[in-house]
Amino acid sequence: MNFTKLVPNIFYENIQDGIELFVDCLTFTMGYSDLNSTYPCCIVEKDNLQVFLHQNKEYAEKDRPEIRLHTNNIDEVYENVANTHKKFLHPNLKGVTMRPWGAKEFALLDATNVCVIIQQW
């Protein structure tokens, strides 16, 4: 058995919140978009990563995910976010910090409490 990718689904009451975090802040690109349908959704992509964003108030109220993105250049990612979208820096991990498990990390938190931890091993 072989798996090649894990693609999370993240639900928002307003999908524009997810687009602001992933596209505007983290510079993902829109790979697929159906934003004008009854159930708006899109797939955002960067490098070999994909995230499926959905607009669904019911599911958004039930689950606010925490995901991790690994990088080889955490300082560059941090500087870019801090210079362009400082409002997303998580109050509990707003700077690059060496964690006890050996990874350098900082975290982002959007207006809906979706948390993205940026991590470099």
PDB file of N, CA and C in Angstrom:
ATOM      1  N   MET A   1       0.846  -1.174   0.000  1.00  0.00           N
ATOM      2  CA  MET A   1       0.000   0.000   0.000  1.00  0.00           C
ATOM      3  C   MET A   1       0.892   1.239   0.000  1.00  0.00           C
ATOM      4  N   ASN A   2       0.584   2.211  -0.849  1.00  0.00           N
ATOM      5  CA  ASN A   2       1.399   3.405  -0.994  1.00  0.00           C
ATOM      6  C   ASN A   2       0.506   4.638  -1.041  1.00  0.00           C
ATOM      7  N   PHE A   3       0.792   5.615  -0.191  1.00  0.00           N
ATOM      8  CA  PHE A   3       0.079   6.888  -0.222  1.00  0.00           C
ATOM      9  C   PHE A   3       1.054   7.969  -0.648  1.00  0.00           C
ATOM     10  N   THR A   4       0.587   8.942  -1.383  1.00  0.00           N
ATOM     11  CA  THR A   4       1.500   9.974  -1.878  1.00  0.00           C
ATOM     12  C   THR A   4       1.201  11.367  -1.361  1.00  0.00           C
ATOM     13  N   LYS A   5       0.013  11.589  -0.792  1.00  0.00           N
ATOM     14  CA  LYS A   5      -0.320  12.933  -0.338  1.00  0.00           C
ATOM     15  C   LYS A   5      -1.516  12.878   0.600  1.00  0.00           C
ATOM     16  N   LEU A   6      -1.526  13.754   1.579  1.00  0.00           N
ATOM     17  CA  LEU A   6      -2.675  13.937   2.450  1.00  0.00           C
ATOM     18  C   LEU A   6      -3.211  15.339   2.177  1.00  0.00           C
ATOM     19  N   VAL A   7      -4.483  15.457   1.833  1.00  0.00           N
ATOM     20  CA  VAL A   7      -5.083  16.744   1.489  1.00  0.00           C
ATOM     21  C   VAL A   7      -6.190  17.037   2.497  1.00  0.00           C
ATOM     22  N   PRO A   8      -5.937  17.977   3.415  1.00  0.00           N
ATOM     23  CA  PRO A   8      -6.965  18.266   4.415  1.00  0.00           C
ATOM     24  C   PRO A   8      -8.117  19.084   3.842  1.00  0.00           C
ATOM     25  N   ASN A   9      -9.297  18.885   4.406  1.00  0.00           N
ATOM     26  CA  ASN A   9     -10.466  19.721   4.152  1.00  0.00           C
ATOM     27  C   ASN A   9     -10.587  20.678   5.322  1.00  0.00           C
ATOM     28  N   ILE A  10     -10.744  21.958   5.032  1.00  0.00           N
ATOM     29  CA  ILE A  10     -10.952  22.950   6.083  1.00  0.00           C
ATOM     30  C   ILE A  10     -12.227  23.708   5.745  1.00  0.00           C
ATOM     31  N   PHE A  11     -13.108  23.788   6.721  1.00  0.00           N
ATOM     32  CA  PHE A  11     -14.418  24.411   6.526  1.00  0.00           C
ATOM     33  C   PHE A  11     -14.442  25.795   7.149  1.00  0.00           C
ATOM     34  N   TYR A  12     -15.023  26.729   6.422  1.00  0.00           N
ATOM     35  CA  TYR A  12     -15.161  28.115   6.863  1.00  0.00           C
ATOM     36  C   TYR A  12     -16.606  28.552   6.729  1.00  0.00           C
ATOM     37  N   GLU A  13     -17.034  29.417   7.619  1.00  0.00           N
ATOM     38  CA  GLU A  13     -18.335  30.059   7.447  1.00  0.00           C
ATOM     39  C   GLU A  13     -18.282  30.972   6.231  1.00  0.00           C
ATOM     40  N   ASN A  14     -17.157  31.654   6.060  1.00  0.00           N
ATOM     41  CA  ASN A  14     -16.910  32.489   4.884  1.00  0.00           C
ATOM     42  C   ASN A  14     -15.581  32.052   4.285  1.00  0.00           C
ATOM     43  N   ILE A  15     -15.612  31.449   3.138  1.00  0.00           N
ATOM     44  CA  ILE A  15     -14.410  30.880   2.509  1.00  0.00           C
ATOM     45  C   ILE A  15     -13.320  31.919   2.280  1.00  0.00           C
ATOM     46  N   GLN A  16     -13.687  33.193   2.211  1.00  0.00           N
ATOM     47  CA  GLN A  16     -12.692  34.249   2.017  1.00  0.00           C
ATOM     48  C   GLN A  16     -11.689  34.304   3.171  1.00  0.00           C
ATOM     49  N   ASP A  17     -12.092  33.883   4.380  1.00  0.00           N
ATOM     50  CA  ASP A  17     -11.154  33.816   5.501  1.00  0.00           C
ATOM     51  C   ASP A  17     -10.034  32.824   5.209  1.00  0.00           C
ATOM     52  N   GLY A  18     -10.374  31.686   4.639  1.00  0.00           N
ATOM     53  CA  GLY A  18      -9.363  30.692   4.279  1.00  0.00           C
ATOM     54  C   GLY A  18      -8.491  31.152   3.136  1.00  0.00           C
ATOM     55  N   ILE A  19      -9.082  31.811   2.163  1.00  0.00           N
ATOM     56  CA  ILE A  19      -8.311  32.331   1.026  1.00  0.00           C
ATOM     57  C   ILE A  19      -7.324  33.384   1.514  1.00  0.00           C
ATOM     58  N   GLU A  20      -7.748  34.217   2.450  1.00  0.00           N
ATOM     59  CA  GLU A  20      -6.840  35.236   2.982  1.00  0.00           C
ATOM     60  C   GLU A  20      -5.639  34.597   3.673  1.00  0.00           C
ATOM     61  N   LEU A  21      -5.878  33.534   4.464  1.00  0.00           N
ATOM     62  CA  LEU A  21      -4.778  32.866   5.160  1.00  0.00           C
ATOM     63  C   LEU A  21      -3.857  32.130   4.196  1.00  0.00           C
ATOM     64  N   PHE A  22      -4.421  31.276   3.356  1.00  0.00           N
ATOM     65  CA  PHE A  22      -3.587  30.418   2.522  1.00  0.00           C
ATOM     66  C   PHE A  22      -3.051  31.106   1.266  1.00  0.00           C
ATOM     67  N   VAL A  23      -3.877  31.878   0.581  1.00  0.00           N
ATOM     68  CA  VAL A  23      -3.433  32.510  -0.670  1.00  0.00           C
ATOM     69  C   VAL A  23      -2.716  33.826  -0.390  1.00  0.00           C
ATOM     70  N   ASP A  24      -3.359  34.721   0.336  1.00  0.00           N
ATOM     71  CA  ASP A  24      -2.761  36.038   0.556  1.00  0.00           C
ATOM     72  C   ASP A  24      -1.549  35.981   1.475  1.00  0.00           C
ATOM     73  N   CYS A  25      -1.658  35.267   2.601  1.00  0.00           N
ATOM     74  CA  CYS A  25      -0.582  35.228   3.585  1.00  0.00           C
ATOM     75  C   CYS A  25       0.500  34.210   3.246  1.00  0.00           C
ATOM     76  N   LEU A  26       0.109  32.962   2.965  1.00  0.00           N
ATOM     77  CA  LEU A  26       1.090  31.888   2.747  1.00  0.00           C
ATOM     78  C   LEU A  26       1.435  31.669   1.276  1.00  0.00           C
ATOM     79  N   THR A  27       0.916  32.473   0.403  1.00  0.00           N
ATOM     80  CA  THR A  27       1.212  32.496  -1.047  1.00  0.00           C
ATOM     81  C   THR A  27       0.905  31.184  -1.774  1.00  0.00           C
ATOM     82  N   PHE A  28      -0.118  30.471  -1.317  1.00  0.00           N
ATOM     83  CA  PHE A  28      -0.630  29.353  -2.105  1.00  0.00           C
ATOM     84  C   PHE A  28      -1.324  29.949  -3.328  1.00  0.00           C
ATOM     85  N   THR A  29      -1.506  29.148  -4.357  1.00  0.00           N
ATOM     86  CA  THR A  29      -2.238  29.595  -5.543  1.00  0.00           C
ATOM     87  C   THR A  29      -3.543  28.807  -5.647  1.00  0.00           C
ATOM     88  N   MET A  30      -4.474  29.370  -6.372  1.00  0.00           N
ATOM     89  CA  MET A  30      -5.768  28.736  -6.561  1.00  0.00           C
ATOM     90  C   MET A  30      -5.625  27.677  -7.653  1.00  0.00           C
ATOM     91  N   GLY A  31      -5.762  26.409  -7.281  1.00  0.00           N
ATOM     92  CA  GLY A  31      -5.665  25.323  -8.250  1.00  0.00           C
ATOM     93  C   GLY A  31      -7.005  24.969  -8.860  1.00  0.00           C
ATOM     94  N   TYR A  32      -8.061  25.165  -8.087  1.00  0.00           N
ATOM     95  CA  TYR A  32      -9.432  24.903  -8.539  1.00  0.00           C
ATOM     96  C   TYR A  32     -10.324  25.859  -7.760  1.00  0.00           C
ATOM     97  N   SER A  33     -11.338  26.372  -8.414  1.00  0.00           N
ATOM     98  CA  SER A  33     -12.214  27.322  -7.759  1.00  0.00           C
ATOM     99  C   SER A  33     -13.652  27.143  -8.216  1.00  0.00           C
ATOM    100  N   ASP A  34     -14.538  27.014  -7.249  1.00  0.00           N
ATOM    101  CA  ASP A  34     -15.982  26.986  -7.496  1.00  0.00           C
ATOM    102  C   ASP A  34     -16.622  27.875  -6.426  1.00  0.00           C
ATOM    103  N   LEU A  35     -16.241  29.149  -6.447  1.00  0.00           N
ATOM    104  CA  LEU A  35     -16.622  30.070  -5.383  1.00  0.00           C
ATOM    105  C   LEU A  35     -18.033  30.619  -5.531  1.00  0.00           C
ATOM    106  N   ASN A  36     -18.642  30.493  -6.701  1.00  0.00           N
ATOM    107  CA  ASN A  36     -19.966  31.061  -6.928  1.00  0.00           C
ATOM    108  C   ASN A  36     -21.088  30.034  -6.879  1.00  0.00           C
ATOM    109  N   SER A  37     -20.782  28.835  -6.415  1.00  0.00           N
ATOM    110  CA  SER A  37     -21.802  27.787  -6.360  1.00  0.00           C
ATOM    111  C   SER A  37     -22.579  27.866  -5.045  1.00  0.00           C
ATOM    112  N   THR A  38     -23.557  27.016  -4.903  1.00  0.00           N
ATOM    113  CA  THR A  38     -24.332  26.939  -3.664  1.00  0.00           C
ATOM    114  C   THR A  38     -23.437  26.571  -2.494  1.00  0.00           C
ATOM    115  N   TYR A  39     -22.463  25.712  -2.729  1.00  0.00           N
ATOM    116  CA  TYR A  39     -21.507  25.290  -1.713  1.00  0.00           C
ATOM    117  C   TYR A  39     -20.102  25.654  -2.184  1.00  0.00           C
ATOM    118  N   PRO A  40     -19.671  26.895  -1.985  1.00  0.00           N
ATOM    119  CA  PRO A  40     -18.372  27.341  -2.484  1.00  0.00           C
ATOM    120  C   PRO A  40     -17.229  26.481  -1.954  1.00  0.00           C
ATOM    121  N   CYS A  41     -16.273  26.215  -2.832  1.00  0.00           N
ATOM    122  CA  CYS A  41     -15.088  25.466  -2.450  1.00  0.00           C
ATOM    123  C   CYS A  41     -13.947  25.836  -3.381  1.00  0.00           C
ATOM    124  N   CYS A  42     -12.746  25.493  -2.957  1.00  0.00           N
ATOM    125  CA  CYS A  42     -11.579  25.689  -3.814  1.00  0.00           C
ATOM    126  C   CYS A  42     -10.460  24.800  -3.296  1.00  0.00           C
ATOM    127  N   ILE A  43      -9.500  24.557  -4.168  1.00  0.00           N
ATOM    128  CA  ILE A  43      -8.283  23.848  -3.791  1.00  0.00           C
ATOM    129  C   ILE A  43      -7.144  24.836  -3.957  1.00  0.00           C
ATOM    130  N   VAL A  44      -6.395  25.045  -2.872  1.00  0.00           N
ATOM    131  CA  VAL A  44      -5.233  25.923  -2.932  1.00  0.00           C
ATOM    132  C   VAL A  44      -3.979  25.054  -2.905  1.00  0.00           C
ATOM    133  N   GLU A  45      -2.957  25.495  -3.632  1.00  0.00           N
ATOM    134  CA  GLU A  45      -1.765  24.666  -3.828  1.00  0.00           C
ATOM    135  C   GLU A  45      -0.490  25.483  -3.658  1.00  0.00           C
ATOM    136  N   LYS A  46       0.538  24.807  -3.193  1.00  0.00           N
ATOM    137  CA  LYS A  46       1.886  25.386  -3.131  1.00  0.00           C
ATOM    138  C   LYS A  46       2.865  24.228  -3.079  1.00  0.00           C
ATOM    139  N   ASP A  47       3.849  24.271  -3.948  1.00  0.00           N
ATOM    140  CA  ASP A  47       4.827  23.194  -4.044  1.00  0.00           C
ATOM    141  C   ASP A  47       4.067  21.883  -4.251  1.00  0.00           C
ATOM    142  N   ASN A  48       4.239  20.894  -3.399  1.00  0.00           N
ATOM    143  CA  ASN A  48       3.514  19.626  -3.533  1.00  0.00           C
ATOM    144  C   ASN A  48       2.351  19.519  -2.559  1.00  0.00           C
ATOM    145  N   LEU A  49       1.904  20.634  -2.015  1.00  0.00           N
ATOM    146  CA  LEU A  49       0.843  20.651  -1.017  1.00  0.00           C
ATOM    147  C   LEU A  49      -0.477  21.096  -1.633  1.00  0.00           C
ATOM    148  N   GLN A  50      -1.565  20.594  -1.092  1.00  0.00           N
ATOM    149  CA  GLN A  50      -2.906  21.037  -1.454  1.00  0.00           C
ATOM    150  C   GLN A  50      -3.756  21.093  -0.195  1.00  0.00           C
ATOM    151  N   VAL A  51      -4.656  22.067  -0.156  1.00  0.00           N
ATOM    152  CA  VAL A  51      -5.650  22.179   0.907  1.00  0.00           C
ATOM    153  C   VAL A  51      -6.986  22.445   0.232  1.00  0.00           C
ATOM    154  N   PHE A  52      -8.004  21.707   0.628  1.00  0.00           N
ATOM    155  CA  PHE A  52      -9.349  21.852   0.071  1.00  0.00           C
ATOM    156  C   PHE A  52     -10.147  22.722   1.035  1.00  0.00           C
ATOM    157  N   LEU A  53     -10.528  23.918   0.598  1.00  0.00           N
ATOM    158  CA  LEU A  53     -11.292  24.848   1.423  1.00  0.00           C
ATOM    159  C   LEU A  53     -12.760  24.778   1.033  1.00  0.00           C
ATOM    160  N   HIS A  54     -13.623  24.750   2.033  1.00  0.00           N
ATOM    161  CA  HIS A  54     -15.067  24.671   1.810  1.00  0.00           C
ATOM    162  C   HIS A  54     -15.757  25.774   2.588  1.00  0.00           C
ATOM    163  N   GLN A  55     -16.835  26.293   2.037  1.00  0.00           N
ATOM    164  CA  GLN A  55     -17.693  27.201   2.789  1.00  0.00           C
ATOM    165  C   GLN A  55     -18.904  26.413   3.265  1.00  0.00           C
ATOM    166  N   ASN A  56     -18.964  26.190   4.580  1.00  0.00           N
ATOM    167  CA  ASN A  56     -20.066  25.451   5.176  1.00  0.00           C
ATOM    168  C   ASN A  56     -20.132  25.837   6.649  1.00  0.00           C
ATOM    169  N   LYS A  57     -21.098  26.660   7.004  1.00  0.00           N
ATOM    170  CA  LYS A  57     -21.209  27.190   8.352  1.00  0.00           C
ATOM    171  C   LYS A  57     -21.347  26.074   9.394  1.00  0.00           C
ATOM    172  N   GLU A  58     -22.182  25.084   9.118  1.00  0.00           N
ATOM    173  CA  GLU A  58     -22.409  24.009  10.076  1.00  0.00           C
ATOM    174  C   GLU A  58     -21.111  23.287  10.428  1.00  0.00           C
ATOM    175  N   TYR A  59     -20.340  22.885   9.426  1.00  0.00           N
ATOM    176  CA  TYR A  59     -19.093  22.175   9.685  1.00  0.00           C
ATOM    177  C   TYR A  59     -18.034  23.090  10.278  1.00  0.00           C
ATOM    178  N   ALA A  60     -18.024  24.349   9.867  1.00  0.00           N
ATOM    179  CA  ALA A  60     -17.061  25.303  10.423  1.00  0.00           C
ATOM    180  C   ALA A  60     -17.271  25.487  11.919  1.00  0.00           C
ATOM    181  N   GLU A  61     -18.511  25.454  12.355  1.00  0.00           N
ATOM    182  CA  GLU A  61     -18.796  25.607  13.779  1.00  0.00           C
ATOM    183  C   GLU A  61     -18.386  24.376  14.580  1.00  0.00           C
ATOM    184  N   LYS A  62     -18.276  23.222  13.943  1.00  0.00           N
ATOM    185  CA  LYS A  62     -17.961  21.975  14.639  1.00  0.00           C
ATOM    186  C   LYS A  62     -16.468  21.720  14.798  1.00  0.00           C
ATOM    187  N   ASP A  63     -15.636  22.278  13.915  1.00  0.00           N
ATOM    188  CA  ASP A  63     -14.230  21.897  13.921  1.00  0.00           C
ATOM    189  C   ASP A  63     -13.354  23.040  13.454  1.00  0.00           C
ATOM    190  N   ARG A  64     -12.384  23.414  14.271  1.00  0.00           N
ATOM    191  CA  ARG A  64     -11.370  24.392  13.889  1.00  0.00           C
ATOM    192  C   ARG A  64     -10.039  23.663  13.918  1.00  0.00           C
ATOM    193  N   PRO A  65      -9.520  23.274  12.776  1.00  0.00           N
ATOM    194  CA  PRO A  65      -8.337  22.405  12.727  1.00  0.00           C
ATOM    195  C   PRO A  65      -7.032  23.106  13.071  1.00  0.00           C
ATOM    196  N   GLU A  66      -6.072  22.274  13.416  1.00  0.00           N
ATOM    197  CA  GLU A  66      -4.692  22.691  13.582  1.00  0.00           C
ATOM    198  C   GLU A  66      -3.874  21.812  12.644  1.00  0.00           C
ATOM    199  N   ILE A  67      -3.157  22.433  11.732  1.00  0.00           N
ATOM    200  CA  ILE A  67      -2.324  21.677  10.798  1.00  0.00           C
ATOM    201  C   ILE A  67      -0.890  22.185  10.889  1.00  0.00           C
ATOM    202  N   ARG A  68       0.039  21.371  10.429  1.00  0.00           N
ATOM    203  CA  ARG A  68       1.465  21.732  10.413  1.00  0.00           C
ATOM    204  C   ARG A  68       1.977  21.719   8.983  1.00  0.00           C
ATOM    205  N   LEU A  69       2.769  22.733   8.675  1.00  0.00           N
ATOM    206  CA  LEU A  69       3.462  22.795   7.390  1.00  0.00           C
ATOM    207  C   LEU A  69       4.959  22.743   7.674  1.00  0.00           C
ATOM    208  N   HIS A  70       5.648  21.781   7.085  1.00  0.00           N
ATOM    209  CA  HIS A  70       7.096  21.676   7.234  1.00  0.00           C
ATOM    210  C   HIS A  70       7.763  22.527   6.166  1.00  0.00           C
ATOM    211  N   THR A  71       8.889  23.141   6.538  1.00  0.00           N
ATOM    212  CA  THR A  71       9.666  23.950   5.613  1.00  0.00           C
ATOM    213  C   THR A  71      11.147  23.747   5.884  1.00  0.00           C
ATOM    214  N   ASN A  72      11.967  24.081   4.906  1.00  0.00           N
ATOM    215  CA  ASN A  72      13.419  24.060   5.079  1.00  0.00           C
ATOM    216  C   ASN A  72      13.962  25.465   5.307  1.00  0.00           C
ATOM    217  N   ASN A  73      13.077  26.465   5.317  1.00  0.00           N
ATOM    218  CA  ASN A  73      13.520  27.852   5.469  1.00  0.00           C
ATOM    219  C   ASN A  73      12.548  28.640   6.354  1.00  0.00           C
ATOM    220  N   ILE A  74      12.431  28.234   7.602  1.00  0.00           N
ATOM    221  CA  ILE A  74      11.449  28.834   8.509  1.00  0.00           C
ATOM    222  C   ILE A  74      11.692  30.323   8.721  1.00  0.00           C
ATOM    223  N   ASP A  75      12.947  30.753   8.752  1.00  0.00           N
ATOM    224  CA  ASP A  75      13.221  32.173   8.978  1.00  0.00           C
ATOM    225  C   ASP A  75      12.696  33.024   7.823  1.00  0.00           C
ATOM    226  N   GLU A  76      12.842  32.539   6.602  1.00  0.00           N
ATOM    227  CA  GLU A  76      12.314  33.249   5.433  1.00  0.00           C
ATOM    228  C   GLU A  76      10.784  33.306   5.475  1.00  0.00           C
ATOM    229  N   VAL A  77      10.154  32.182   5.809  1.00  0.00           N
ATOM    230  CA  VAL A  77       8.689  32.157   5.900  1.00  0.00           C
ATOM    231  C   VAL A  77       8.228  33.116   6.985  1.00  0.00           C
ATOM    232  N   TYR A  78       8.880  33.071   8.138  1.00  0.00           N
ATOM    233  CA  TYR A  78       8.502  33.958   9.238  1.00  0.00           C
ATOM    234  C   TYR A  78       8.633  35.426   8.841  1.00  0.00           C
ATOM    235  N   GLU A  79       9.756  35.793   8.253  1.00  0.00           N
ATOM    236  CA  GLU A  79       9.965  37.192   7.847  1.00  0.00           C
ATOM    237  C   GLU A  79       8.893  37.645   6.862  1.00  0.00           C
ATOM    238  N   ASN A  80       8.552  36.784   5.917  1.00  0.00           N
ATOM    239  CA  ASN A  80       7.525  37.140   4.940  1.00  0.00           C
ATOM    240  C   ASN A  80       6.179  37.385   5.629  1.00  0.00           C
ATOM    241  N   VAL A  81       5.778  36.470   6.515  1.00  0.00           N
ATOM    242  CA  VAL A  81       4.496  36.623   7.214  1.00  0.00           C
ATOM    243  C   VAL A  81       4.532  37.835   8.141  1.00  0.00           C
ATOM    244  N   ALA A  82       5.599  37.987   8.903  1.00  0.00           N
ATOM    245  CA  ALA A  82       5.693  39.099   9.856  1.00  0.00           C
ATOM    246  C   ALA A  82       5.670  40.450   9.140  1.00  0.00           C
ATOM    247  N   ASN A  83       6.236  40.499   7.937  1.00  0.00           N
ATOM    248  CA  ASN A  83       6.272  41.763   7.185  1.00  0.00           C
ATOM    249  C   ASN A  83       4.995  42.052   6.421  1.00  0.00           C
ATOM    250  N   THR A  84       4.216  41.018   6.095  1.00  0.00           N
ATOM    251  CA  THR A  84       3.040  41.251   5.246  1.00  0.00           C
ATOM    252  C   THR A  84       1.705  40.948   5.919  1.00  0.00           C
ATOM    253  N   HIS A  85       1.673  40.019   6.871  1.00  0.00           N
ATOM    254  CA  HIS A  85       0.410  39.601   7.494  1.00  0.00           C
ATOM    255  C   HIS A  85       0.601  39.330   8.990  1.00  0.00           C
ATOM    256  N   LYS A  86       1.172  40.301   9.683  1.00  0.00           N
ATOM    257  CA  LYS A  86       1.488  40.157  11.106  1.00  0.00           C
ATOM    258  C   LYS A  86       0.267  39.764  11.942  1.00  0.00           C
ATOM    259  N   LYS A  87      -0.925  40.165  11.502  1.00  0.00           N
ATOM    260  CA  LYS A  87      -2.140  39.872  12.271  1.00  0.00           C
ATOM    261  C   LYS A  87      -2.392  38.373  12.421  1.00  0.00           C
ATOM    262  N   PHE A  88      -1.779  37.530  11.567  1.00  0.00           N
ATOM    263  CA  PHE A  88      -1.974  36.087  11.644  1.00  0.00           C
ATOM    264  C   PHE A  88      -1.045  35.415  12.658  1.00  0.00           C
ATOM    265  N   LEU A  89      -0.038  36.100  13.178  1.00  0.00           N
ATOM    266  CA  LEU A  89       0.877  35.468  14.127  1.00  0.00           C
ATOM    267  C   LEU A  89       0.124  35.083  15.398  1.00  0.00           C
ATOM    268  N   HIS A  90       0.221  33.816  15.758  1.00  0.00           N
ATOM    269  CA  HIS A  90      -0.498  33.263  16.916  1.00  0.00           C
ATOM    270  C   HIS A  90       0.055  33.885  18.197  1.00  0.00           C
ATOM    271  N   PRO A  91      -0.812  34.362  19.094  1.00  0.00           N
ATOM    272  CA  PRO A  91      -0.316  34.998  20.318  1.00  0.00           C
ATOM    273  C   PRO A  91       0.511  34.069  21.214  1.00  0.00           C
ATOM    274  N   ASN A  92       0.327  32.765  21.109  1.00  0.00           N
ATOM    275  CA  ASN A  92       1.075  31.828  21.948  1.00  0.00           C
ATOM    276  C   ASN A  92       2.377  31.342  21.324  1.00  0.00           C
ATOM    277  N   LEU A  93       2.601  31.627  20.026  1.00  0.00           N
ATOM    278  CA  LEU A  93       3.821  31.186  19.355  1.00  0.00           C
ATOM    279  C   LEU A  93       4.089  32.131  18.187  1.00  0.00           C
ATOM    280  N   LYS A  94       4.260  33.423  18.511  1.00  0.00           N
ATOM    281  CA  LYS A  94       4.347  34.442  17.472  1.00  0.00           C
ATOM    282  C   LYS A  94       5.755  34.683  16.949  1.00  0.00           C
ATOM    283  N   GLY A  95       6.736  33.972  17.476  1.00  0.00           N
ATOM    284  CA  GLY A  95       8.100  34.061  16.979  1.00  0.00           C
ATOM    285  C   GLY A  95       8.663  32.675  16.757  1.00  0.00           C
ATOM    286  N   VAL A  96       9.717  32.582  15.952  1.00  0.00           N
ATOM    287  CA  VAL A  96      10.365  31.288  15.715  1.00  0.00           C
ATOM    288  C   VAL A  96      10.996  30.828  17.029  1.00  0.00           C
ATOM    289  N   THR A  97      10.617  29.630  17.458  1.00  0.00           N
ATOM    290  CA  THR A  97      11.020  29.103  18.766  1.00  0.00           C
ATOM    291  C   THR A  97      11.483  27.658  18.615  1.00  0.00           C
ATOM    292  N   MET A  98      12.599  27.329  19.253  1.00  0.00           N
ATOM    293  CA  MET A  98      13.045  25.933  19.294  1.00  0.00           C
ATOM    294  C   MET A  98      12.183  25.211  20.319  1.00  0.00           C
ATOM    295  N   ARG A  99      11.524  24.158  19.865  1.00  0.00           N
ATOM    296  CA  ARG A  99      10.605  23.403  20.721  1.00  0.00           C
ATOM    297  C   ARG A  99      11.345  22.225  21.370  1.00  0.00           C
ATOM    298  N   PRO A 100      10.853  21.704  22.498  1.00  0.00           N
ATOM    299  CA  PRO A 100      11.533  20.606  23.194  1.00  0.00           C
ATOM    300  C   PRO A 100      11.734  19.369  22.324  1.00  0.00           C
ATOM    301  N   TRP A 101      10.888  19.157  21.323  1.00  0.00           N
ATOM    302  CA  TRP A 101      11.007  17.962  20.475  1.00  0.00           C
ATOM    303  C   TRP A 101      11.986  18.150  19.330  1.00  0.00           C
ATOM    304  N   GLY A 102      12.675  19.292  19.285  1.00  0.00           N
ATOM    305  CA  GLY A 102      13.751  19.476  18.330  1.00  0.00           C
ATOM    306  C   GLY A 102      13.401  20.226  17.057  1.00  0.00           C
ATOM    307  N   ALA A 103      12.210  20.749  16.950  1.00  0.00           N
ATOM    308  CA  ALA A 103      11.803  21.499  15.756  1.00  0.00           C
ATOM    309  C   ALA A 103      11.716  22.983  16.083  1.00  0.00           C
ATOM    310  N   LYS A 104      12.087  23.811  15.109  1.00  0.00           N
ATOM    311  CA  LYS A 104      11.830  25.243  15.224  1.00  0.00           C
ATOM    312  C   LYS A 104      10.423  25.483  14.691  1.00  0.00           C
ATOM    313  N   GLU A 105       9.635  26.304  15.413  1.00  0.00           N
ATOM    314  CA  GLU A 105       8.240  26.515  15.035  1.00  0.00           C
ATOM    315  C   GLU A 105       7.800  27.943  15.303  1.00  0.00           C
ATOM    316  N   PHE A 106       6.810  28.388  14.526  1.00  0.00           N
ATOM    317  CA  PHE A 106       5.969  29.521  14.867  1.00  0.00           C
ATOM    318  C   PHE A 106       4.587  29.178  14.358  1.00  0.00           C
ATOM    319  N   ALA A 107       3.580  29.916  14.810  1.00  0.00           N
ATOM    320  CA  ALA A 107       2.216  29.535  14.462  1.00  0.00           C
ATOM    321  C   ALA A 107       1.410  30.723  13.962  1.00  0.00           C
ATOM    322  N   LEU A 108       0.419  30.393  13.154  1.00  0.00           N
ATOM    323  CA  LEU A 108      -0.532  31.367  12.630  1.00  0.00           C
ATOM    324  C   LEU A 108      -1.921  30.995  13.125  1.00  0.00           C
ATOM    325  N   LEU A 109      -2.744  32.003  13.323  1.00  0.00           N
ATOM    326  CA  LEU A 109      -4.116  31.793  13.753  1.00  0.00           C
ATOM    327  C   LEU A 109      -4.982  32.772  12.974  1.00  0.00           C
ATOM    328  N   ASP A 110      -5.964  32.247  12.231  1.00  0.00           N
ATOM    329  CA  ASP A 110      -6.822  33.161  11.477  1.00  0.00           C
ATOM    330  C   ASP A 110      -8.005  33.609  12.328  1.00  0.00           C
ATOM    331  N   ALA A 111      -8.840  34.447  11.772  1.00  0.00           N
ATOM    332  CA  ALA A 111      -9.968  35.026  12.515  1.00  0.00           C
ATOM    333  C   ALA A 111     -10.983  33.983  12.963  1.00  0.00           C
ATOM    334  N   THR A 112     -10.940  32.792  12.372  1.00  0.00           N
ATOM    335  CA  THR A 112     -11.903  31.735  12.714  1.00  0.00           C
ATOM    336  C   THR A 112     -11.289  30.660  13.612  1.00  0.00           C
ATOM    337  N   ASN A 113     -10.059  30.874  14.059  1.00  0.00           N
ATOM    338  CA  ASN A 113      -9.308  29.959  14.931  1.00  0.00           C
ATOM    339  C   ASN A 113      -8.761  28.726  14.219  1.00  0.00           C
ATOM    340  N   VAL A 114      -8.562  28.785  12.921  1.00  0.00           N
ATOM    341  CA  VAL A 114      -7.784  27.757  12.238  1.00  0.00           C
ATOM    342  C   VAL A 114      -6.317  28.065  12.555  1.00  0.00           C
ATOM    343  N   CYS A 115      -5.602  27.057  13.039  1.00  0.00           N
ATOM    344  CA  CYS A 115      -4.212  27.224  13.424  1.00  0.00           C
ATOM    345  C   CYS A 115      -3.310  26.492  12.430  1.00  0.00           C
ATOM    346  N   VAL A 116      -2.279  27.208  11.941  1.00  0.00           N
ATOM    347  CA  VAL A 116      -1.277  26.618  11.062  1.00  0.00           C
ATOM    348  C   VAL A 116       0.067  26.785  11.754  1.00  0.00           C
ATOM    349  N   ILE A 117       0.707  25.664  12.084  1.00  0.00           N
ATOM    350  CA  ILE A 117       2.023  25.700  12.695  1.00  0.00           C
ATOM    351  C   ILE A 117       3.052  25.491  11.582  1.00  0.00           C
ATOM    352  N   ILE A 118       3.978  26.427  11.486  1.00  0.00           N
ATOM    353  CA  ILE A 118       5.075  26.310  10.525  1.00  0.00           C
ATOM    354  C   ILE A 118       6.234  25.703  11.275  1.00  0.00           C
ATOM    355  N   GLN A 119       6.834  24.665  10.705  1.00  0.00           N
ATOM    356  CA  GLN A 119       7.805  23.853  11.443  1.00  0.00           C
ATOM    357  C   GLN A 119       9.008  23.523  10.570  1.00  0.00           C
ATOM    358  N   GLN A 120      10.200  23.604  11.169  1.00  0.00           N
ATOM    359  CA  GLN A 120      11.426  23.164  10.497  1.00  0.00           C
ATOM    360  C   GLN A 120      12.173  22.234  11.429  1.00  0.00           C
ATOM    361  N   TRP A 121      12.482  21.038  10.942  1.00  0.00           N
ATOM    362  CA  TRP A 121      13.229  20.051  11.722  1.00  0.00           C
ATOM    363  C   TRP A 121      14.697  20.232  11.459  1.00  0.00           C
TER     364      TRP A 121
END
